[in-house]
Every structure is written in C-alpha cells, then in structure tokens.
C-alpha cells in the first residue's frame, strides 16, 4: 500500500486472511498453535487498508527505509 500498489496489497490481504483461517483450523486440534500473531497482523493490515488514502499515515515512515 505504501508503494501505491493496491492490487498487490489486496492480494496480500487475501493470502493473509486465508492463512489465518488455516491457522485457526489447525489450532483447534493442536493446542501448541497460537493464532494470536496472525490475528494481530491481519487486523493491522486491514486497519491500514481502511485508511490507505490518508497520506498522514505514511508520514511516520519518512524517510522511507532503504
């Protein structure tokens, strides 16, 4: 999203959402699997997606790391 490539960002969100579903399914049968981190990443990514047009969001990242 930072690079203004919404198509790739949308694809990333879709894959992350599918991964979350897989992790949640596996966590039901394996107590060692903790879905907390994938939930956190997906929530952050979706939050960014919602405010992607707000240019102030990206000001935190300036200068953009090389």
Foldseek 3Di string as FASTA:
>chain_A
DLVPPVVVLVVVLVVLVVVLVVLVVVCVVPVVRDSVVSVVVSVVSVVCVVVVVPVVVCVVCPVPDD
